[in-house]
Amino acid sequence: MLFLSLEDLTGTFEATLFPRVYRRYAPILRGHGPFRIEGRVEEDHGVATLVARRVERVGRPAAHATRRRTRE
C-alpha cells in the first residue's frame, strides 16, 4: 500500500494505492513524473482522497525511442 502527496497547478492532493494497484505500478512510480492517475475520489470527514486504479507516466518518450542509433 502506498500513500502519495501529489501537486498540480491547482494545489496538493492525496492519492492511495492499495496493494494490488501498488504492485502493478510500483516500477513506474520509482521514476520521475509527471504522472496521470485514474481512480475514484472518496471523501472522509471533509478530506478528499483519490483511490488509484491506474497510473501512467506522461510527457516522456519510451526508453527505446530516446536511444540514438550508432553507425557501425
PDB file of N, CA and C in Angstrom:
ATOM      1  N   MET A   1       0.855  -1.171   0.000  1.00  0.00           N
ATOM      2  CA  MET A   1       0.000   0.000   0.000  1.00  0.00           C
ATOM      3  C   MET A   1       0.899   1.230   0.000  1.00  0.00           C
ATOM      4  N   LEU A   2       0.440   2.265  -0.712  1.00  0.00           N
ATOM      5  CA  LEU A   2       1.232   3.480  -0.824  1.00  0.00           C
ATOM      6  C   LEU A   2       0.319   4.696  -0.722  1.00  0.00           C
ATOM      7  N   PHE A   3       0.773   5.678   0.026  1.00  0.00           N
ATOM      8  CA  PHE A   3       0.080   6.955   0.126  1.00  0.00           C
ATOM      9  C   PHE A   3       0.963   7.996  -0.544  1.00  0.00           C
ATOM     10  N   LEU A   4       0.389   8.748  -1.466  1.00  0.00           N
ATOM     11  CA  LEU A   4       1.146   9.757  -2.199  1.00  0.00           C
ATOM     12  C   LEU A   4       0.575  11.142  -1.945  1.00  0.00           C
ATOM     13  N   SER A   5       1.440  12.119  -1.856  1.00  0.00           N
ATOM     14  CA  SER A   5       1.029  13.518  -1.885  1.00  0.00           C
ATOM     15  C   SER A   5       1.467  14.048  -3.233  1.00  0.00           C
ATOM     16  N   LEU A   6       0.528  14.519  -4.017  1.00  0.00           N
ATOM     17  CA  LEU A   6       0.806  14.984  -5.374  1.00  0.00           C
ATOM     18  C   LEU A   6       0.380  16.435  -5.517  1.00  0.00           C
ATOM     19  N   GLU A   7       0.990  17.110  -6.469  1.00  0.00           N
ATOM     20  CA  GLU A   7       0.682  18.520  -6.670  1.00  0.00           C
ATOM     21  C   GLU A   7       0.474  18.785  -8.153  1.00  0.00           C
ATOM     22  N   ASP A   8      -0.541  19.590  -8.457  1.00  0.00           N
ATOM     23  CA  ASP A   8      -0.743  20.068  -9.817  1.00  0.00           C
ATOM     24  C   ASP A   8      -0.893  21.585  -9.755  1.00  0.00           C
ATOM     25  N   LEU A   9      -1.330  22.190 -10.838  1.00  0.00           N
ATOM     26  CA  LEU A   9      -1.437  23.649 -10.877  1.00  0.00           C
ATOM     27  C   LEU A   9      -2.500  24.208  -9.941  1.00  0.00           C
ATOM     28  N   THR A  10      -3.412  23.356  -9.491  1.00  0.00           N
ATOM     29  CA  THR A  10      -4.485  23.832  -8.612  1.00  0.00           C
ATOM     30  C   THR A  10      -4.199  23.599  -7.135  1.00  0.00           C
ATOM     31  N   GLY A  11      -3.191  22.793  -6.813  1.00  0.00           N
ATOM     32  CA  GLY A  11      -2.876  22.551  -5.409  1.00  0.00           C
ATOM     33  C   GLY A  11      -2.370  21.146  -5.166  1.00  0.00           C
ATOM     34  N   THR A  12      -2.412  20.739  -3.913  1.00  0.00           N
ATOM     35  CA  THR A  12      -1.913  19.435  -3.484  1.00  0.00           C
ATOM     36  C   THR A  12      -3.083  18.511  -3.173  1.00  0.00           C
ATOM     37  N   PHE A  13      -2.910  17.235  -3.471  1.00  0.00           N
ATOM     38  CA  PHE A  13      -3.940  16.258  -3.124  1.00  0.00           C
ATOM     39  C   PHE A  13      -3.278  14.944  -2.747  1.00  0.00           C
ATOM     40  N   GLU A  14      -4.037  14.101  -2.100  1.00  0.00           N
ATOM     41  CA  GLU A  14      -3.550  12.797  -1.643  1.00  0.00           C
ATOM     42  C   GLU A  14      -4.103  11.698  -2.544  1.00  0.00           C
ATOM     43  N   ALA A  15      -3.277  10.688  -2.783  1.00  0.00           N
ATOM     44  CA  ALA A  15      -3.711   9.512  -3.538  1.00  0.00           C
ATOM     45  C   ALA A  15      -3.316   8.273  -2.742  1.00  0.00           C
ATOM     46  N   THR A  16      -4.158   7.261  -2.807  1.00  0.00           N
ATOM     47  CA  THR A  16      -3.906   5.991  -2.132  1.00  0.00           C
ATOM     48  C   THR A  16      -3.850   4.886  -3.174  1.00  0.00           C
ATOM     49  N   LEU A  17      -2.811   4.081  -3.120  1.00  0.00           N
ATOM     50  CA  LEU A  17      -2.701   2.910  -3.973  1.00  0.00           C
ATOM     51  C   LEU A  17      -2.768   1.689  -3.069  1.00  0.00           C
ATOM     52  N   PHE A  18      -3.820   0.912  -3.200  1.00  0.00           N
ATOM     53  CA  PHE A  18      -3.948  -0.302  -2.417  1.00  0.00           C
ATOM     54  C   PHE A  18      -2.974  -1.354  -2.960  1.00  0.00           C
ATOM     55  N   PRO A  19      -2.692  -2.414  -2.210  1.00  0.00           N
ATOM     56  CA  PRO A  19      -1.607  -3.345  -2.554  1.00  0.00           C
ATOM     57  C   PRO A  19      -1.607  -3.863  -3.994  1.00  0.00           C
ATOM     58  N   ARG A  20      -2.736  -4.270  -4.513  1.00  0.00           N
ATOM     59  CA  ARG A  20      -2.778  -4.820  -5.878  1.00  0.00           C
ATOM     60  C   ARG A  20      -2.356  -3.766  -6.900  1.00  0.00           C
ATOM     61  N   VAL A  21      -2.877  -2.566  -6.764  1.00  0.00           N
ATOM     62  CA  VAL A  21      -2.549  -1.472  -7.685  1.00  0.00           C
ATOM     63  C   VAL A  21      -1.094  -1.048  -7.492  1.00  0.00           C
ATOM     64  N   TYR A  22      -0.650  -0.976  -6.256  1.00  0.00           N
ATOM     65  CA  TYR A  22       0.733  -0.592  -5.982  1.00  0.00           C
ATOM     66  C   TYR A  22       1.720  -1.580  -6.604  1.00  0.00           C
ATOM     67  N   ARG A  23       1.476  -2.880  -6.430  1.00  0.00           N
ATOM     68  CA  ARG A  23       2.376  -3.878  -7.027  1.00  0.00           C
ATOM     69  C   ARG A  23       2.456  -3.719  -8.542  1.00  0.00           C
ATOM     70  N   ARG A  24       1.335  -3.435  -9.156  1.00  0.00           N
ATOM     71  CA  ARG A  24       1.301  -3.319 -10.615  1.00  0.00           C
ATOM     72  C   ARG A  24       2.067  -2.094 -11.117  1.00  0.00           C
ATOM     73  N   TYR A  25       1.959  -0.962 -10.412  1.00  0.00           N
ATOM     74  CA  TYR A  25       2.515   0.291 -10.915  1.00  0.00           C
ATOM     75  C   TYR A  25       3.755   0.780 -10.173  1.00  0.00           C
ATOM     76  N   ALA A  26       4.280   0.020  -9.239  1.00  0.00           N
ATOM     77  CA  ALA A  26       5.466   0.449  -8.481  1.00  0.00           C
ATOM     78  C   ALA A  26       6.650   0.798  -9.373  1.00  0.00           C
ATOM     79  N   PRO A  27       6.951   0.027 -10.429  1.00  0.00           N
ATOM     80  CA  PRO A  27       8.103   0.394 -11.270  1.00  0.00           C
ATOM     81  C   PRO A  27       7.970   1.778 -11.905  1.00  0.00           C
ATOM     82  N   ILE A  28       6.782   2.148 -12.291  1.00  0.00           N
ATOM     83  CA  ILE A  28       6.551   3.475 -12.884  1.00  0.00           C
ATOM     84  C   ILE A  28       6.791   4.556 -11.845  1.00  0.00           C
ATOM     85  N   LEU A  29       6.334   4.335 -10.640  1.00  0.00           N
ATOM     86  CA  LEU A  29       6.418   5.352  -9.592  1.00  0.00           C
ATOM     87  C   LEU A  29       7.825   5.535  -9.042  1.00  0.00           C
ATOM     88  N   ARG A  30       8.742   4.637  -9.354  1.00  0.00           N
ATOM     89  CA  ARG A  30      10.123   4.790  -8.892  1.00  0.00           C
ATOM     90  C   ARG A  30      10.854   5.888  -9.660  1.00  0.00           C
ATOM     91  N   GLY A  31      10.330   6.249 -10.828  1.00  0.00           N
ATOM     92  CA  GLY A  31      10.946   7.291 -11.641  1.00  0.00           C
ATOM     93  C   GLY A  31      10.311   8.644 -11.380  1.00  0.00           C
ATOM     94  N   HIS A  32      10.717   9.599 -12.175  1.00  0.00           N
ATOM     95  CA  HIS A  32      10.169  10.943 -12.057  1.00  0.00           C
ATOM     96  C   HIS A  32       8.894  11.058 -12.886  1.00  0.00           C
ATOM     97  N   GLY A  33       8.010  11.959 -12.485  1.00  0.00           N
ATOM     98  CA  GLY A  33       6.761  12.215 -13.193  1.00  0.00           C
ATOM     99  C   GLY A  33       6.986  13.145 -14.357  1.00  0.00           C
ATOM    100  N   PRO A  34       5.937  13.677 -14.869  1.00  0.00           N
ATOM    101  CA  PRO A  34       4.591  13.720 -14.303  1.00  0.00           C
ATOM    102  C   PRO A  34       3.841  12.406 -14.505  1.00  0.00           C
ATOM    103  N   PHE A  35       2.838  12.220 -13.659  1.00  0.00           N
ATOM    104  CA  PHE A  35       2.019  11.023 -13.695  1.00  0.00           C
ATOM    105  C   PHE A  35       0.561  11.385 -13.945  1.00  0.00           C
ATOM    106  N   ARG A  36      -0.139  10.467 -14.589  1.00  0.00           N
ATOM    107  CA  ARG A  36      -1.595  10.555 -14.702  1.00  0.00           C
ATOM    108  C   ARG A  36      -2.140   9.420 -13.851  1.00  0.00           C
ATOM    109  N   ILE A  37      -2.988   9.761 -12.902  1.00  0.00           N
ATOM    110  CA  ILE A  37      -3.560   8.758 -12.009  1.00  0.00           C
ATOM    111  C   ILE A  37      -5.072   8.779 -12.170  1.00  0.00           C
ATOM    112  N   GLU A  38      -5.625   7.614 -12.469  1.00  0.00           N
ATOM    113  CA  GLU A  38      -7.066   7.475 -12.600  1.00  0.00           C
ATOM    114  C   GLU A  38      -7.595   6.697 -11.406  1.00  0.00           C
ATOM    115  N   GLY A  39      -8.782   7.039 -10.983  1.00  0.00           N
ATOM    116  CA  GLY A  39      -9.395   6.346  -9.869  1.00  0.00           C
ATOM    117  C   GLY A  39     -10.676   7.018  -9.455  1.00  0.00           C
ATOM    118  N   ARG A  40     -11.037   6.844  -8.214  1.00  0.00           N
ATOM    119  CA  ARG A  40     -12.264   7.465  -7.699  1.00  0.00           C
ATOM    120  C   ARG A  40     -11.902   8.330  -6.495  1.00  0.00           C
ATOM    121  N   VAL A  41     -12.636   9.401  -6.349  1.00  0.00           N
ATOM    122  CA  VAL A  41     -12.415  10.305  -5.225  1.00  0.00           C
ATOM    123  C   VAL A  41     -13.343   9.893  -4.094  1.00  0.00           C
ATOM    124  N   GLU A  42     -12.757   9.736  -2.914  1.00  0.00           N
ATOM    125  CA  GLU A  42     -13.538   9.427  -1.720  1.00  0.00           C
ATOM    126  C   GLU A  42     -13.338  10.557  -0.729  1.00  0.00           C
ATOM    127  N   GLU A  43     -14.399  10.894  -0.047  1.00  0.00           N
ATOM    128  CA  GLU A  43     -14.322  11.952   0.962  1.00  0.00           C
ATOM    129  C   GLU A  43     -14.613  11.368   2.327  1.00  0.00           C
ATOM    130  N   ASP A  44     -13.741  11.675   3.275  1.00  0.00           N
ATOM    131  CA  ASP A  44     -13.906  11.199   4.642  1.00  0.00           C
ATOM    132  C   ASP A  44     -13.657  12.370   5.582  1.00  0.00           C
ATOM    133  N   HIS A  45     -14.654  12.759   6.322  1.00  0.00           N
ATOM    134  CA  HIS A  45     -14.563  13.880   7.263  1.00  0.00           C
ATOM    135  C   HIS A  45     -14.088  15.165   6.589  1.00  0.00           C
ATOM    136  N   GLY A  46     -14.579  15.399   5.377  1.00  0.00           N
ATOM    137  CA  GLY A  46     -14.243  16.624   4.669  1.00  0.00           C
ATOM    138  C   GLY A  46     -12.911  16.608   3.940  1.00  0.00           C
ATOM    139  N   VAL A  47     -12.203  15.474   3.959  1.00  0.00           N
ATOM    140  CA  VAL A  47     -10.909  15.360   3.276  1.00  0.00           C
ATOM    141  C   VAL A  47     -11.079  14.419   2.082  1.00  0.00           C
ATOM    142  N   ALA A  48     -10.771  14.930   0.890  1.00  0.00           N
ATOM    143  CA  ALA A  48     -10.892  14.127  -0.322  1.00  0.00           C
ATOM    144  C   ALA A  48      -9.584  13.411  -0.614  1.00  0.00           C
ATOM    145  N   THR A  49      -9.689  12.151  -1.026  1.00  0.00           N
ATOM    146  CA  THR A  49      -8.531  11.334  -1.392  1.00  0.00           C
ATOM    147  C   THR A  49      -8.846  10.622  -2.697  1.00  0.00           C
ATOM    148  N   LEU A  50      -7.858  10.543  -3.573  1.00  0.00           N
ATOM    149  CA  LEU A  50      -8.010   9.803  -4.817  1.00  0.00           C
ATOM    150  C   LEU A  50      -7.556   8.367  -4.575  1.00  0.00           C
ATOM    151  N   VAL A  51      -8.443   7.413  -4.769  1.00  0.00           N
ATOM    152  CA  VAL A  51      -8.101   5.999  -4.648  1.00  0.00           C
ATOM    153  C   VAL A  51      -7.757   5.533  -6.059  1.00  0.00           C
ATOM    154  N   ALA A  52      -6.475   5.271  -6.287  1.00  0.00           N
ATOM    155  CA  ALA A  52      -5.976   4.990  -7.628  1.00  0.00           C
ATOM    156  C   ALA A  52      -6.355   3.605  -8.108  1.00  0.00           C
ATOM    157  N   ARG A  53      -6.638   3.511  -9.404  1.00  0.00           N
ATOM    158  CA  ARG A  53      -6.838   2.210 -10.040  1.00  0.00           C
ATOM    159  C   ARG A  53      -5.907   2.042 -11.233  1.00  0.00           C
ATOM    160  N   ARG A  54      -5.337   3.177 -11.727  1.00  0.00           N
ATOM    161  CA  ARG A  54      -4.422   3.120 -12.871  1.00  0.00           C
ATOM    162  C   ARG A  54      -3.437   4.275 -12.779  1.00  0.00           C
ATOM    163  N   VAL A  55      -2.170   4.012 -13.110  1.00  0.00           N
ATOM    164  CA  VAL A  55      -1.125   5.039 -13.080  1.00  0.00           C
ATOM    165  C   VAL A  55      -0.340   4.946 -14.380  1.00  0.00           C
ATOM    166  N   GLU A  56      -0.039   6.090 -14.961  1.00  0.00           N
ATOM    167  CA  GLU A  56       0.861   6.098 -16.110  1.00  0.00           C
ATOM    168  C   GLU A  56       1.727   7.348 -16.065  1.00  0.00           C
ATOM    169  N   ARG A  57       2.903   7.226 -16.615  1.00  0.00           N
ATOM    170  CA  ARG A  57       3.803   8.372 -16.712  1.00  0.00           C
ATOM    171  C   ARG A  57       3.480   9.077 -18.021  1.00  0.00           C
ATOM    172  N   VAL A  58       3.433  10.376 -18.012  1.00  0.00           N
ATOM    173  CA  VAL A  58       3.128  11.138 -19.225  1.00  0.00           C
ATOM    174  C   VAL A  58       4.250  12.119 -19.533  1.00  0.00           C
ATOM    175  N   GLY A  59       4.308  12.508 -20.794  1.00  0.00           N
ATOM    176  CA  GLY A  59       5.245  13.544 -21.182  1.00  0.00           C
ATOM    177  C   GLY A  59       6.673  13.103 -21.385  1.00  0.00           C
ATOM    178  N   ARG A  60       6.931  11.807 -21.343  1.00  0.00           N
ATOM    179  CA  ARG A  60       8.290  11.318 -21.571  1.00  0.00           C
ATOM    180  C   ARG A  60       8.228  10.215 -22.630  1.00  0.00           C
ATOM    181  N   PRO A  61       9.142  10.250 -23.583  1.00  0.00           N
ATOM    182  CA  PRO A  61       9.142   9.192 -24.595  1.00  0.00           C
ATOM    183  C   PRO A  61       9.558   7.860 -23.987  1.00  0.00           C
ATOM    184  N   ALA A  62       9.177   6.804 -24.638  1.00  0.00           N
ATOM    185  CA  ALA A  62       9.582   5.467 -24.189  1.00  0.00           C
ATOM    186  C   ALA A  62      11.093   5.343 -24.282  1.00  0.00           C
ATOM    187  N   ALA A  63      11.670   4.486 -23.452  1.00  0.00           N
ATOM    188  CA  ALA A  63      13.129   4.344 -23.386  1.00  0.00           C
ATOM    189  C   ALA A  63      13.724   4.015 -24.750  1.00  0.00           C
ATOM    190  N   HIS A  64      13.064   3.148 -25.512  1.00  0.00           N
ATOM    191  CA  HIS A  64      13.623   2.762 -26.811  1.00  0.00           C
ATOM    192  C   HIS A  64      13.594   3.918 -27.804  1.00  0.00           C
ATOM    193  N   ALA A  65      12.703   4.860 -27.632  1.00  0.00           N
ATOM    194  CA  ALA A  65      12.599   5.991 -28.551  1.00  0.00           C
ATOM    195  C   ALA A  65      13.672   7.035 -28.300  1.00  0.00           C
ATOM    196  N   THR A  66      14.292   7.023 -27.137  1.00  0.00           N
ATOM    197  CA  THR A  66      15.287   8.036 -26.816  1.00  0.00           C
ATOM    198  C   THR A  66      16.702   7.606 -27.154  1.00  0.00           C
ATOM    199  N   ARG A  67      16.884   6.346 -27.453  1.00  0.00           N
ATOM    200  CA  ARG A  67      18.222   5.869 -27.809  1.00  0.00           C
ATOM    201  C   ARG A  67      18.587   6.340 -29.203  1.00  0.00           C
ATOM    202  N   ARG A  68      19.824   6.753 -29.374  1.00  0.00           N
ATOM    203  CA  ARG A  68      20.300   7.140 -30.703  1.00  0.00           C
ATOM    204  C   ARG A  68      20.923   5.936 -31.382  1.00  0.00           C
ATOM    205  N   ARG A  69      20.683   5.867 -32.648  1.00  0.00           N
ATOM    206  CA  ARG A  69      21.320   4.789 -33.409  1.00  0.00           C
ATOM    207  C   ARG A  69      22.758   5.151 -33.697  1.00  0.00           C
ATOM    208  N   THR A  70      23.618   4.184 -33.570  1.00  0.00           N
ATOM    209  CA  THR A  70      25.028   4.418 -33.875  1.00  0.00           C
ATOM    210  C   THR A  70      25.382   3.697 -35.164  1.00  0.00           C
ATOM    211  N   ARG A  71      26.255   4.321 -35.924  1.00  0.00           N
ATOM    212  CA  ARG A  71      26.708   3.691 -37.171  1.00  0.00           C
ATOM    213  C   ARG A  71      27.861   2.762 -36.868  1.00  0.00           C
ATOM    214  N   GLU A  72      27.858   1.667 -37.526  1.00  0.00           N
ATOM    215  CA  GLU A  72      28.933   0.695 -37.313  1.00  0.00           C
ATOM    216  C   GLU A  72      30.031   0.877 -38.332  1.00  0.00           C
TER     217      GLU A  72
END
